[in-house]
Structures are given as C-alpha cells and as structure tokens.
Amino acid sequence: MDYGKIMGCEISFIPIKSNDYINEINEVLAIIAGSGLSHTVGAMSTAISGDKERLFSLIQEIYTKMEDKTLFSMQLKLSNICGCSK
C-alpha cells in the first residue's frame, strides 16, 4: 500500500456564538456524507479516510461553505497511517 496517497482525518466543527448550532453541525455532516469518503460520526468528532487530495478538498469545501454562515473553530488531526488501511 502506498501510504502517501491515503490519509486519515479527525475533524471537529465547533460553531461559536451560534443561534442555530445543531443545524450548522448537521450541514457540515451532510457535506462530509456527500463527499463519498469513508467516515464515522462520533459524539465529539468525525473520522474520515480516503485519498488525501479529496480530503483536503473536503476541508476547504467545509470552510468555504460555512465561513459566511457562522463563526466557528474547526479542529483537525491528520495522519498518513491512522485510518489509512484499505
């Protein structure tokens, strides 16, 4: 396996000063689900794995779609070994 092409990511999207944080989180989860990447939603974060270019594109898509809707913090953990098995 070429570990340089597959990446694991753990993402936490945290709306700040939001009046509608549940819908904002659900919107981010819908973006992730629509990406076609393998993902597991947890209570505090979502684990995603797949092609690194698609993952970086997904992170940019989330940021771009949400930046005008709410103030937020997005915490990311990236790995080229964790969650990288096919």
C-alpha atoms as a PDB file:
ATOM      1  CA  MET A   1       0.000   0.000   0.000  1.00  0.00           C
ATOM      2  CA  ASP A   2       1.194   3.500  -0.810  1.00  0.00           C
ATOM      3  CA  TYR A   3       0.634   5.321   2.485  1.00  0.00           C
ATOM      4  CA  GLY A   4       1.405   8.661   0.847  1.00  0.00           C
ATOM      5  CA  LYS A   5      -1.884   8.670  -1.059  1.00  0.00           C
ATOM      6  CA  ILE A   6      -4.326   7.661   1.694  1.00  0.00           C
ATOM      7  CA  MET A   7      -4.931   9.911   4.665  1.00  0.00           C
ATOM      8  CA  GLY A   8      -6.914   9.724   7.875  1.00  0.00           C
ATOM      9  CA  CYS A   9      -8.544  12.810   9.349  1.00  0.00           C
ATOM     10  CA  GLU A  10     -10.436  13.534  12.540  1.00  0.00           C
ATOM     11  CA  ILE A  11     -12.497  16.709  12.351  1.00  0.00           C
ATOM     12  CA  SER A  12     -14.444  18.633  14.978  1.00  0.00           C
ATOM     13  CA  PHE A  13     -16.572  21.549  13.769  1.00  0.00           C
ATOM     14  CA  ILE A  14     -17.489  23.893  16.619  1.00  0.00           C
ATOM     15  CA  PRO A  15     -19.875  26.806  15.932  1.00  0.00           C
ATOM     16  CA  ILE A  16     -19.117  29.857  18.095  1.00  0.00           C
ATOM     17  CA  LYS A  17     -21.837  32.328  19.199  1.00  0.00           C
ATOM     18  CA  SER A  18     -24.407  30.470  17.132  1.00  0.00           C
ATOM     19  CA  ASN A  19     -28.173  30.590  17.485  1.00  0.00           C
ATOM     20  CA  ASP A  20     -28.600  27.513  15.294  1.00  0.00           C
ATOM     21  CA  TYR A  21     -25.588  25.316  16.043  1.00  0.00           C
ATOM     22  CA  ILE A  22     -27.417  21.982  15.590  1.00  0.00           C
ATOM     23  CA  ASN A  23     -28.366  22.840  12.002  1.00  0.00           C
ATOM     24  CA  GLU A  24     -24.857  24.144  11.298  1.00  0.00           C
ATOM     25  CA  ILE A  25     -23.281  20.920  12.557  1.00  0.00           C
ATOM     26  CA  ASN A  26     -25.804  18.897  10.557  1.00  0.00           C
ATOM     27  CA  GLU A  27     -24.908  20.905   7.453  1.00  0.00           C
ATOM     28  CA  VAL A  28     -21.228  20.045   7.920  1.00  0.00           C
ATOM     29  CA  LEU A  29     -22.125  16.370   8.429  1.00  0.00           C
ATOM     30  CA  ALA A  30     -24.156  16.470   5.197  1.00  0.00           C
ATOM     31  CA  ILE A  31     -21.157  17.923   3.336  1.00  0.00           C
ATOM     32  CA  ILE A  32     -18.994  15.100   4.698  1.00  0.00           C
ATOM     33  CA  ALA A  33     -21.596  12.452   3.807  1.00  0.00           C
ATOM     34  CA  GLY A  34     -21.888  13.893   0.300  1.00  0.00           C
ATOM     35  CA  SER A  35     -18.136  13.622  -0.244  1.00  0.00           C
ATOM     36  CA  GLY A  36     -18.300   9.868  -0.766  1.00  0.00           C
ATOM     37  CA  LEU A  37     -15.335   9.409   1.581  1.00  0.00           C
ATOM     38  CA  SER A  38     -15.397   6.744   4.272  1.00  0.00           C
ATOM     39  CA  HIS A  39     -16.421   8.369   7.557  1.00  0.00           C
ATOM     40  CA  THR A  40     -17.643   7.572  11.059  1.00  0.00           C
ATOM     41  CA  VAL A  41     -19.570  10.174  13.037  1.00  0.00           C
ATOM     42  CA  GLY A  42     -18.794  10.273  16.747  1.00  0.00           C
ATOM     43  CA  ALA A  43     -20.122  12.312  19.657  1.00  0.00           C
ATOM     44  CA  MET A  44     -17.285  14.869  19.538  1.00  0.00           C
ATOM     45  CA  SER A  45     -15.712  14.418  16.101  1.00  0.00           C
ATOM     46  CA  THR A  46     -15.940  12.644  12.772  1.00  0.00           C
ATOM     47  CA  ALA A  47     -13.237  10.311  11.454  1.00  0.00           C
ATOM     48  CA  ILE A  48     -12.731  10.393   7.685  1.00  0.00           C
ATOM     49  CA  SER A  49     -10.326   8.441   5.496  1.00  0.00           C
ATOM     50  CA  GLY A  50      -9.533   8.387   1.827  1.00  0.00           C
ATOM     51  CA  ASP A  51      -7.491   9.977  -0.917  1.00  0.00           C
ATOM     52  CA  LYS A  52      -5.518  12.880   0.545  1.00  0.00           C
ATOM     53  CA  GLU A  53      -6.423  15.295  -2.277  1.00  0.00           C
ATOM     54  CA  ARG A  54     -10.139  14.579  -1.771  1.00  0.00           C
ATOM     55  CA  LEU A  55      -9.761  15.063   1.988  1.00  0.00           C
ATOM     56  CA  PHE A  56      -8.015  18.420   1.598  1.00  0.00           C
ATOM     57  CA  SER A  57     -10.691  19.440  -0.904  1.00  0.00           C
ATOM     58  CA  LEU A  58     -13.408  18.437   1.591  1.00  0.00           C
ATOM     59  CA  ILE A  59     -11.813  20.524   4.365  1.00  0.00           C
ATOM     60  CA  GLN A  60     -11.693  23.525   2.021  1.00  0.00           C
ATOM     61  CA  GLU A  61     -15.325  22.953   0.976  1.00  0.00           C
ATOM     62  CA  ILE A  62     -16.493  22.874   4.605  1.00  0.00           C
ATOM     63  CA  TYR A  63     -14.576  26.058   5.399  1.00  0.00           C
ATOM     64  CA  THR A  64     -15.822  27.899   2.311  1.00  0.00           C
ATOM     65  CA  LYS A  65     -19.472  26.906   2.748  1.00  0.00           C
ATOM     66  CA  MET A  66     -19.582  27.723   6.453  1.00  0.00           C
ATOM     67  CA  GLU A  67     -17.420  30.870   6.708  1.00  0.00           C
ATOM     68  CA  ASP A  68     -20.262  33.268   5.850  1.00  0.00           C
ATOM     69  CA  LYS A  69     -22.876  31.378   7.897  1.00  0.00           C
ATOM     70  CA  THR A  70     -21.318  31.259  11.339  1.00  0.00           C
ATOM     71  CA  LEU A  71     -18.206  31.912  13.385  1.00  0.00           C
ATOM     72  CA  PHE A  72     -16.509  28.601  14.078  1.00  0.00           C
ATOM     73  CA  SER A  73     -13.484  26.668  15.164  1.00  0.00           C
ATOM     74  CA  MET A  74     -12.525  23.597  13.174  1.00  0.00           C
ATOM     75  CA  GLN A  75     -10.085  21.220  14.803  1.00  0.00           C
ATOM     76  CA  LEU A  76      -8.271  18.745  12.557  1.00  0.00           C
ATOM     77  CA  LYS A  77      -5.994  15.810  13.167  1.00  0.00           C
ATOM     78  CA  LEU A  78      -4.311  14.450  10.040  1.00  0.00           C
ATOM     79  CA  SER A  79      -2.424  11.193   9.680  1.00  0.00           C
ATOM     80  CA  ASN A  80      -0.809   9.179   6.921  1.00  0.00           C
ATOM     81  CA  ILE A  81      -1.092   5.978   8.971  1.00  0.00           C
ATOM     82  CA  CYS A  82      -4.112   6.156  11.327  1.00  0.00           C
ATOM     83  CA  GLY A  83      -7.274   5.111   9.482  1.00  0.00           C
ATOM     84  CA  CYS A  84      -5.329   4.566   6.286  1.00  0.00           C
ATOM     85  CA  SER A  85      -5.887   0.870   5.649  1.00  0.00           C
ATOM     86  CA  LYS A  86      -7.983  -0.002   2.624  1.00  0.00           C
END
